[in-house]
Amino acid sequence: MARIRPAASELCFDEESERVVEVASIEEVLENAGGLGITAEPYAGRFGWGTLIRLNGKPTLLTDVDHAAVQGAMAAKRCARYRRRILDISQRVSALHIAPAFSCLEITDYVYSALMRPADVFLMSKGHGCIAQYAVLEDRGVIPREEMDRYCTTAGTLGAHPDRGTPGIVASTGSLGHGLGLAVGMAYAARIKGEDCNVYVVMSDGELQEGSTWEAVQMAANLGLTNLAVFVDLNDFGGLERLSEAHPAVYPIAEKFGAFGWEARRANGHELASLQSALAGRCGGLPFAVVCGTVKGKGVSYMENAPIWHYRSPNAEEYRQALRELEANA
């Protein structure tokens, strides 16, 4: 994503005294944009229009700056940081599922940053992509940094697939095709108990080969689980083979969800605006699926759509190249 250029007029707004003063450029304001201390909201008032940012409680008004652009810049910074963190960890272990994690990073970030409330549930059905969830949970202070540093070592608790009991993890997944059934049970239980709880699932397109997935899809529609939303990470790879070549009958995916009684929409799984549009267009009254077009290994050119990166870690030179590419695209 291209960097947002400074607006012609950028002001700091003191809500108590209703005074405005000049502030640094938007690049400087967004330098910490991925952190938890910043929020952004649209502004329209006596000082014009723009985006009102609060960084650690301090209000800053960026006039003539589109709110959606600021949100997109914040999400891009967070996801770049997650990719860098995962790359750093890759240098400590001989293998990890780096490309599957990179394909679902923006989806996972979107669910946590824009949708999740305290009582809601997130389930990573594609368990091999769990390091993406770990990175988000670390950023949010749920998983300690020192535990992430011990990823997949005998001294740590974080494995290559998520385990229930780990902070922020509600289910042990990775046996593909089981996650959606667990989520259906959770959503149904919440409804029975009268709890205001939404269940969000990120699942792989490869899981659509499993009969248990479609049993869960049917049951969710039978039960009318309007508190269930599924994001399908459609990177078109199942391990080492392209889904569209080895299993073409899986397509069209959105239409299949619709035939089972779901509301289904499509989105670009790497673009915040596209994900937001899919959710904004939801009619309601049915379980909801977003089929997200993604790129396996997104963000690092030599990993993109290359099957070997489903499993392996980059060597030292490949690691340095990946860092250069992430920095160039920041």
Protein backbone atom coordinates (compact mmCIF):
# COMPACT_ATOMS: atom_id res chain seq x y z
CA MET A 1 0.00 0.00 0.00
CA ALA A 2 1.30 3.43 -0.90
CA ARG A 3 2.07 5.75 1.95
CA ILE A 4 -0.47 8.49 2.64
CA ARG A 5 0.96 11.90 1.85
CA PRO A 6 0.58 14.77 4.32
CA ALA A 7 -2.59 16.80 3.92
CA ALA A 8 -2.35 20.50 3.17
CA SER A 9 -3.72 21.34 6.59
CA GLU A 10 -3.13 19.13 9.61
CA LEU A 11 -4.32 20.26 13.00
CA CYS A 12 -4.23 19.13 16.60
CA PHE A 13 -7.62 19.59 18.23
CA ASP A 14 -7.92 20.25 21.97
CA GLU A 15 -11.50 19.26 22.76
CA GLU A 16 -11.62 21.15 26.08
CA SER A 17 -10.42 24.52 24.85
CA GLU A 18 -11.55 23.98 21.27
CA ARG A 19 -8.23 25.22 19.98
CA VAL A 20 -6.30 23.87 17.03
CA VAL A 21 -2.54 23.89 16.51
CA GLU A 22 -0.28 22.53 13.82
CA VAL A 23 1.01 18.97 14.25
CA ALA A 24 3.46 16.68 12.53
CA SER A 25 2.73 15.04 9.20
CA ILE A 26 0.38 12.10 9.00
CA GLU A 27 3.36 9.77 8.46
CA GLU A 28 4.70 10.79 11.85
CA VAL A 29 1.29 10.48 13.49
CA LEU A 30 0.91 6.99 12.02
CA GLU A 31 4.42 5.92 13.00
CA ASN A 32 2.83 4.12 15.93
CA ALA A 33 -0.43 3.49 14.12
CA GLY A 34 -0.33 -0.26 14.57
CA GLY A 35 -0.19 0.01 18.34
CA LEU A 36 -3.12 -0.51 20.65
CA GLY A 37 -2.90 3.06 21.95
CA ILE A 38 -4.36 4.56 18.77
CA THR A 39 -7.94 4.83 17.60
CA ALA A 40 -9.36 6.61 14.57
CA GLU A 41 -12.84 7.80 13.68
CA PRO A 42 -14.41 9.99 11.01
CA TYR A 43 -14.72 13.69 11.85
CA ALA A 44 -17.06 16.34 10.49
CA GLY A 45 -17.44 19.54 12.48
CA ARG A 46 -16.45 23.15 12.90
CA PHE A 47 -12.91 22.50 11.67
CA GLY A 48 -14.03 20.83 8.45
CA TRP A 49 -13.84 17.11 7.78
CA GLY A 50 -11.21 14.45 8.19
CA THR A 51 -10.12 11.84 10.71
CA LEU A 52 -9.92 12.27 14.46
CA ILE A 53 -7.08 10.19 15.85
CA ARG A 54 -6.53 9.59 19.54
CA LEU A 55 -3.03 8.40 20.33
CA ASN A 56 -2.87 7.35 23.98
CA GLY A 57 -5.85 9.58 24.65
CA LYS A 58 -4.48 12.70 22.95
CA PRO A 59 -6.79 13.90 20.15
CA THR A 60 -5.28 14.82 16.79
CA LEU A 61 -7.45 16.04 13.94
CA LEU A 62 -6.19 15.34 10.43
CA THR A 63 -8.21 17.56 8.14
CA ASP A 64 -8.99 16.53 4.57
CA VAL A 65 -7.70 13.02 5.28
CA ASP A 66 -10.09 10.19 4.47
CA HIS A 67 -10.90 7.96 7.44
CA ALA A 68 -10.84 4.80 5.35
CA ALA A 69 -7.32 5.64 4.14
CA VAL A 70 -6.13 6.06 7.74
CA GLN A 71 -7.73 2.76 8.75
CA GLY A 72 -6.08 1.05 5.79
CA ALA A 73 -2.69 2.51 6.68
CA MET A 74 -3.05 1.36 10.28
CA ALA A 75 -3.97 -2.17 9.21
CA ALA A 76 -1.10 -2.31 6.70
CA LYS A 77 1.39 -1.28 9.38
CA ARG A 78 0.10 -3.90 11.79
CA CYS A 79 0.27 -6.68 9.20
CA ALA A 80 3.76 -5.65 8.09
CA ARG A 81 4.82 -5.89 11.71
CA TYR A 82 3.24 -9.33 12.04
CA ARG A 83 5.05 -10.56 8.91
CA ARG A 84 8.35 -9.24 10.24
CA ARG A 85 7.77 -10.97 13.59
CA ILE A 86 6.96 -14.28 11.90
CA LEU A 87 10.04 -13.97 9.69
CA ASP A 88 12.20 -13.35 12.75
CA ILE A 89 10.80 -16.46 14.41
CA SER A 90 11.46 -18.46 11.24
CA GLN A 91 15.18 -18.05 11.83
CA ARG A 92 14.95 -19.99 15.11
CA VAL A 93 13.12 -23.07 13.84
CA SER A 94 13.84 -25.41 10.96
CA ALA A 95 10.32 -25.28 9.53
CA LEU A 96 7.03 -23.49 10.02
CA HIS A 97 3.88 -22.87 8.01
CA ILE A 98 4.87 -19.38 6.94
CA ALA A 99 3.00 -19.07 3.63
CA PRO A 100 -0.38 -20.24 5.02
CA ALA A 101 0.02 -17.70 7.82
CA PHE A 102 0.83 -14.88 5.41
CA SER A 103 -2.30 -15.60 3.35
CA CYS A 104 -4.66 -15.09 6.31
CA LEU A 105 -2.90 -12.27 8.22
CA GLU A 106 -5.11 -9.43 7.02
CA ILE A 107 -8.26 -11.49 7.64
CA THR A 108 -7.18 -12.38 11.17
CA ASP A 109 -6.17 -8.79 11.92
CA TYR A 110 -9.50 -7.52 10.61
CA VAL A 111 -11.55 -9.84 12.80
CA TYR A 112 -9.62 -8.90 15.93
CA SER A 113 -9.33 -5.16 15.26
CA ALA A 114 -12.76 -4.45 13.80
CA LEU A 115 -15.21 -7.17 14.80
CA MET A 116 -14.30 -8.90 18.05
CA ARG A 117 -15.98 -7.81 21.27
CA PRO A 118 -14.93 -9.12 24.71
CA ALA A 119 -17.55 -11.88 24.71
CA ASP A 120 -16.96 -12.98 21.11
CA VAL A 121 -15.01 -16.06 20.03
CA PHE A 122 -12.32 -16.48 17.37
CA LEU A 123 -11.49 -19.94 16.10
CA MET A 124 -8.56 -20.63 13.74
CA SER A 125 -9.85 -23.72 11.96
CA LYS A 126 -6.82 -23.82 9.64
CA GLY A 127 -4.59 -24.71 12.55
CA HIS A 128 -1.42 -24.70 10.45
CA GLY A 129 -1.88 -20.93 10.07
CA CYS A 130 -1.95 -20.34 13.81
CA ILE A 131 1.26 -18.32 13.98
CA ALA A 132 -0.74 -15.52 12.34
CA GLN A 133 -3.13 -15.64 15.30
CA TYR A 134 -0.21 -15.88 17.74
CA ALA A 135 1.30 -12.71 16.27
CA VAL A 136 -1.98 -10.81 16.67
CA LEU A 137 -2.46 -12.11 20.22
CA GLU A 138 1.09 -11.11 21.13
CA ASP A 139 0.46 -7.62 19.77
CA ARG A 140 -2.64 -7.37 21.92
CA GLY A 141 -0.81 -8.48 25.05
CA VAL A 142 -2.56 -11.85 25.31
CA ILE A 143 0.49 -14.00 24.54
CA PRO A 144 3.71 -12.84 26.26
CA ARG A 145 6.62 -11.91 24.01
CA GLU A 146 8.92 -14.36 25.75
CA GLU A 147 6.48 -17.18 24.96
CA MET A 148 6.48 -16.23 21.28
CA ASP A 149 10.28 -16.30 21.38
CA ARG A 150 10.03 -19.94 22.52
CA TYR A 151 7.74 -20.94 19.63
CA CYS A 152 8.10 -24.63 18.77
CA THR A 153 10.86 -25.27 21.29
CA THR A 154 10.93 -27.65 24.24
CA ALA A 155 11.07 -24.65 26.57
CA GLY A 156 7.82 -23.16 25.24
CA THR A 157 4.12 -23.97 25.01
CA LEU A 158 3.28 -22.67 21.52
CA GLY A 159 3.23 -25.36 18.88
CA ALA A 160 2.84 -25.45 15.11
CA HIS A 161 -0.90 -25.97 15.68
CA PRO A 162 -2.98 -24.25 18.37
CA ASP A 163 -3.84 -25.92 21.65
CA ARG A 164 -6.85 -25.15 23.81
CA GLY A 165 -5.64 -23.68 27.07
CA THR A 166 -3.10 -21.39 25.44
CA PRO A 167 -4.12 -17.77 26.16
CA GLY A 168 -6.58 -16.65 23.50
CA ILE A 169 -7.00 -20.12 21.97
CA VAL A 170 -10.45 -21.72 22.36
CA ALA A 171 -9.93 -24.98 20.49
CA SER A 172 -7.20 -27.40 19.43
CA THR A 173 -7.32 -27.38 15.64
CA GLY A 174 -5.26 -28.60 12.74
CA SER A 175 -7.09 -31.82 12.01
CA LEU A 176 -8.67 -30.09 9.06
CA GLY A 177 -12.42 -30.05 8.70
CA HIS A 178 -13.21 -30.10 12.41
CA GLY A 179 -13.01 -26.40 13.25
CA LEU A 180 -16.31 -25.33 11.72
CA GLY A 181 -18.19 -28.09 13.57
CA LEU A 182 -16.71 -26.85 16.84
CA ALA A 183 -17.72 -23.31 15.96
CA VAL A 184 -21.29 -24.39 15.18
CA GLY A 185 -21.51 -25.96 18.62
CA MET A 186 -20.13 -22.83 20.27
CA ALA A 187 -22.55 -20.54 18.42
CA TYR A 188 -25.51 -22.79 19.23
CA ALA A 189 -24.51 -23.04 22.90
CA ALA A 190 -24.26 -19.25 23.15
CA ARG A 191 -27.77 -18.91 21.75
CA ILE A 192 -29.22 -21.53 24.12
CA LYS A 193 -27.65 -19.74 27.08
CA GLY A 194 -28.91 -16.37 25.91
CA GLU A 195 -25.40 -14.98 25.49
CA ASP A 196 -24.66 -12.09 23.15
CA CYS A 197 -21.73 -13.82 21.49
CA ASN A 198 -20.57 -13.93 17.88
CA VAL A 199 -18.31 -16.75 16.71
CA TYR A 200 -15.76 -15.93 13.99
CA VAL A 201 -13.93 -18.66 12.09
CA VAL A 202 -10.98 -18.53 9.70
CA MET A 203 -10.82 -21.70 7.67
CA SER A 204 -8.76 -22.88 4.71
CA ASP A 205 -10.11 -23.64 1.28
CA GLY A 206 -8.53 -27.09 1.60
CA GLU A 207 -11.00 -27.85 4.41
CA LEU A 208 -13.77 -27.68 1.83
CA GLN A 209 -12.64 -31.16 0.73
CA GLU A 210 -13.83 -32.56 4.07
CA GLY A 211 -17.35 -33.92 4.42
CA SER A 212 -17.44 -32.80 8.04
CA THR A 213 -17.14 -29.20 6.86
CA TRP A 214 -20.27 -29.45 4.76
CA GLU A 215 -22.14 -31.25 7.55
CA ALA A 216 -21.34 -28.26 9.76
CA VAL A 217 -22.38 -25.82 7.03
CA GLN A 218 -25.74 -27.59 6.74
CA MET A 219 -26.28 -27.75 10.50
CA ALA A 220 -25.52 -24.06 10.94
CA ALA A 221 -28.25 -23.26 8.42
CA ASN A 222 -30.67 -25.74 10.02
CA LEU A 223 -30.14 -24.06 13.40
CA GLY A 224 -30.31 -20.53 11.98
CA LEU A 225 -27.00 -19.49 13.55
CA THR A 226 -26.95 -15.82 12.72
CA ASN A 227 -24.16 -15.34 15.27
CA LEU A 228 -21.71 -17.37 13.17
CA ALA A 229 -19.41 -15.83 10.54
CA VAL A 230 -16.84 -17.77 8.52
CA PHE A 231 -13.94 -16.35 6.53
CA VAL A 232 -12.64 -18.80 3.91
CA ASP A 233 -8.95 -18.23 3.13
CA LEU A 234 -9.14 -18.99 -0.59
CA ASN A 235 -5.46 -19.08 -1.56
CA ASP A 236 -6.20 -21.93 -3.99
CA PHE A 237 -3.65 -24.27 -2.45
CA GLY A 238 -4.15 -27.42 -0.40
CA GLY A 239 -0.67 -28.27 0.83
CA LEU A 240 1.37 -28.69 -2.37
CA GLU A 241 -1.37 -28.67 -5.02
CA ARG A 242 -3.70 -26.08 -6.48
CA LEU A 243 -7.26 -26.64 -5.39
CA SER A 244 -8.66 -25.43 -8.72
CA GLU A 245 -6.62 -28.06 -10.58
CA ALA A 246 -6.84 -31.04 -8.22
CA HIS A 247 -10.37 -30.44 -6.90
CA PRO A 248 -12.17 -28.18 -9.42
CA ALA A 249 -15.63 -29.35 -8.30
CA VAL A 250 -15.17 -27.42 -5.06
CA TYR A 251 -15.91 -24.28 -7.05
CA PRO A 252 -17.92 -22.03 -7.05
CA ILE A 253 -17.55 -21.72 -3.29
CA ALA A 254 -19.79 -18.77 -2.43
CA GLU A 255 -22.65 -20.30 -4.40
CA LYS A 256 -22.27 -23.59 -2.53
CA PHE A 257 -22.59 -21.82 0.82
CA GLY A 258 -25.66 -20.07 -0.57
CA ALA A 259 -27.18 -23.37 -1.67
CA PHE A 260 -26.79 -24.64 1.91
CA GLY A 261 -28.78 -21.71 3.27
CA TRP A 262 -26.02 -19.23 4.11
CA GLU A 263 -25.52 -15.64 3.08
CA ALA A 264 -22.20 -15.55 1.25
CA ARG A 265 -20.10 -12.73 -0.15
CA ARG A 266 -16.69 -12.41 -1.77
CA ALA A 267 -13.81 -10.16 -0.75
CA ASN A 268 -10.15 -9.52 -1.35
CA GLY A 269 -8.66 -11.04 1.78
CA HIS A 270 -5.68 -8.66 1.74
CA GLU A 271 -7.62 -5.39 1.46
CA LEU A 272 -9.30 -3.86 4.48
CA ALA A 273 -11.80 -1.89 2.39
CA SER A 274 -12.95 -5.04 0.60
CA LEU A 275 -13.43 -6.94 3.86
CA GLN A 276 -15.31 -3.99 5.33
CA SER A 277 -17.55 -3.80 2.27
CA ALA A 278 -18.43 -7.49 2.52
CA LEU A 279 -19.50 -7.11 6.14
CA ALA A 280 -21.31 -3.83 5.52
CA GLY A 281 -23.39 -5.46 2.81
CA ARG A 282 -24.60 -8.27 5.05
CA CYS A 283 -28.37 -8.62 5.00
CA GLY A 284 -28.62 -10.72 8.18
CA GLY A 285 -30.89 -13.55 9.23
CA LEU A 286 -28.55 -16.33 8.06
CA PRO A 287 -25.13 -17.71 8.92
CA PHE A 288 -22.56 -15.61 7.08
CA ALA A 289 -19.58 -16.61 4.94
CA VAL A 290 -16.97 -14.40 3.30
CA VAL A 291 -14.97 -16.13 0.60
CA CYS A 292 -11.66 -14.26 0.67
CA GLY A 293 -9.40 -14.34 -2.35
CA THR A 294 -5.83 -14.46 -1.02
CA VAL A 295 -2.27 -15.19 -2.12
CA LYS A 296 -0.34 -17.91 -0.34
CA GLY A 297 2.88 -16.35 0.96
CA LYS A 298 1.54 -12.82 0.45
CA GLY A 299 4.10 -10.07 0.96
CA VAL A 300 7.28 -11.91 -0.03
CA SER A 301 7.70 -12.34 -3.78
CA TYR A 302 9.52 -15.66 -3.83
CA MET A 303 7.01 -17.21 -1.41
CA GLU A 304 3.88 -16.19 -3.29
CA ASN A 305 2.10 -19.21 -4.79
CA ALA A 306 5.23 -21.37 -4.34
CA PRO A 307 4.18 -24.70 -2.72
CA ILE A 308 7.48 -25.29 -0.90
CA TRP A 309 6.76 -22.40 1.47
CA HIS A 310 3.85 -24.27 2.95
CA TYR A 311 6.41 -25.95 5.20
CA ARG A 312 9.94 -24.55 5.20
CA SER A 313 11.77 -21.66 6.84
CA PRO A 314 13.83 -19.21 4.76
CA ASN A 315 17.59 -19.41 4.94
CA ALA A 316 19.65 -16.38 5.98
CA GLU A 317 19.81 -14.79 2.52
CA GLU A 318 16.12 -15.48 1.83
CA TYR A 319 15.32 -13.93 5.20
CA ARG A 320 17.25 -10.76 4.35
CA GLN A 321 15.52 -10.51 0.98
CA ALA A 322 12.11 -10.87 2.63
CA LEU A 323 12.95 -8.06 5.06
CA ARG A 324 14.06 -5.81 2.19
CA GLU A 325 10.77 -6.41 0.40
CA LEU A 326 8.68 -5.73 3.49
CA GLU A 327 10.57 -2.49 4.14
CA ALA A 328 10.24 -1.41 0.49
CA ASN A 329 6.47 -1.91 0.63
CA ALA A 330 5.97 -0.26 4.02
